[in-house]
């Protein structure tokens, strides 16, 4: 299990559906906000959220502006 899988598993099923819908709609910032609102402390770092969203976008076969840490370095 990767860090991002662990992060995704901390979300409720309802939050996962909401995040998937936001990813599909291209609303990355809102998806990150939902993730951080629905996870109890310790809150994930921004880059952890971005990486988790990129993995979900790949699973959902959505292309867009989500960038992983590796692609920005």
Protein backbone atom coordinates (compact mmCIF):
# COMPACT_ATOMS: atom_id res chain seq x y z
CA UNK A 1 0.00 0.00 0.00
CA UNK A 2 1.45 3.36 -0.98
CA UNK A 3 1.15 6.52 1.09
CA UNK A 4 -1.55 7.70 -1.31
CA UNK A 5 -3.53 4.45 -0.87
CA UNK A 6 -3.34 4.95 2.89
CA UNK A 7 -4.58 8.51 2.46
CA UNK A 8 -7.43 7.42 0.19
CA UNK A 9 -8.47 4.73 2.68
CA UNK A 10 -8.85 7.41 5.39
CA UNK A 11 -11.73 8.96 3.43
CA UNK A 12 -15.32 7.85 3.95
CA UNK A 13 -17.06 6.24 0.97
CA UNK A 14 -19.17 9.39 0.59
CA UNK A 15 -16.10 11.63 0.53
CA UNK A 16 -14.47 9.36 -2.06
CA UNK A 17 -17.49 9.74 -4.34
CA UNK A 18 -17.38 13.52 -3.90
CA UNK A 19 -13.63 13.68 -4.58
CA UNK A 20 -14.01 11.49 -7.69
CA UNK A 21 -16.75 13.78 -9.01
CA UNK A 22 -14.57 16.84 -8.42
CA UNK A 23 -11.59 15.20 -10.14
CA UNK A 24 -13.76 14.32 -13.13
CA UNK A 25 -15.03 17.91 -13.26
CA UNK A 26 -11.44 19.24 -13.19
CA UNK A 27 -11.94 20.91 -9.82
CA UNK A 28 -8.63 19.93 -8.24
CA UNK A 29 -8.49 22.57 -5.52
CA UNK A 30 -11.99 21.74 -4.35
CA UNK A 31 -11.08 18.03 -4.32
CA UNK A 32 -8.08 18.75 -2.10
CA UNK A 33 -10.27 20.84 0.21
CA UNK A 34 -12.79 17.99 0.53
CA UNK A 35 -10.01 15.49 1.24
CA UNK A 36 -8.54 17.64 3.99
CA UNK A 37 -11.97 18.40 5.49
CA UNK A 38 -12.89 14.71 5.71
CA UNK A 39 -9.66 13.37 7.18
CA UNK A 40 -8.99 13.59 10.89
CA UNK A 41 -5.67 14.93 12.14
CA UNK A 42 -2.93 14.63 11.34
CA UNK A 43 -3.99 16.31 8.13
CA UNK A 44 -2.20 15.27 4.97
CA UNK A 45 0.33 17.55 3.36
CA UNK A 46 -0.72 19.30 0.18
CA UNK A 47 1.67 17.20 -1.93
CA UNK A 48 0.22 14.01 -0.46
CA UNK A 49 -3.24 15.13 -1.55
CA UNK A 50 -2.01 16.04 -5.03
CA UNK A 51 -0.35 12.65 -5.43
CA UNK A 52 -3.49 10.85 -4.25
CA UNK A 53 -5.58 12.88 -6.68
CA UNK A 54 -3.21 12.05 -9.52
CA UNK A 55 -3.54 8.35 -8.74
CA UNK A 56 -7.33 8.67 -8.71
CA UNK A 57 -7.29 10.64 -11.98
CA UNK A 58 -5.25 7.82 -13.51
CA UNK A 59 -7.74 5.23 -12.24
CA UNK A 60 -10.66 7.32 -13.51
CA UNK A 61 -8.80 7.91 -16.80
CA UNK A 62 -9.11 11.67 -16.41
CA UNK A 63 -6.46 13.93 -17.84
CA UNK A 64 -5.94 17.39 -16.52
CA UNK A 65 -3.80 19.78 -14.52
CA UNK A 66 -3.12 17.45 -11.60
CA UNK A 67 0.64 17.17 -11.28
CA UNK A 68 2.65 14.89 -9.09
CA UNK A 69 5.73 15.98 -7.17
CA UNK A 70 7.93 13.96 -9.55
CA UNK A 71 6.67 15.80 -12.63
CA UNK A 72 7.31 19.21 -11.08
CA UNK A 73 10.88 18.52 -9.96
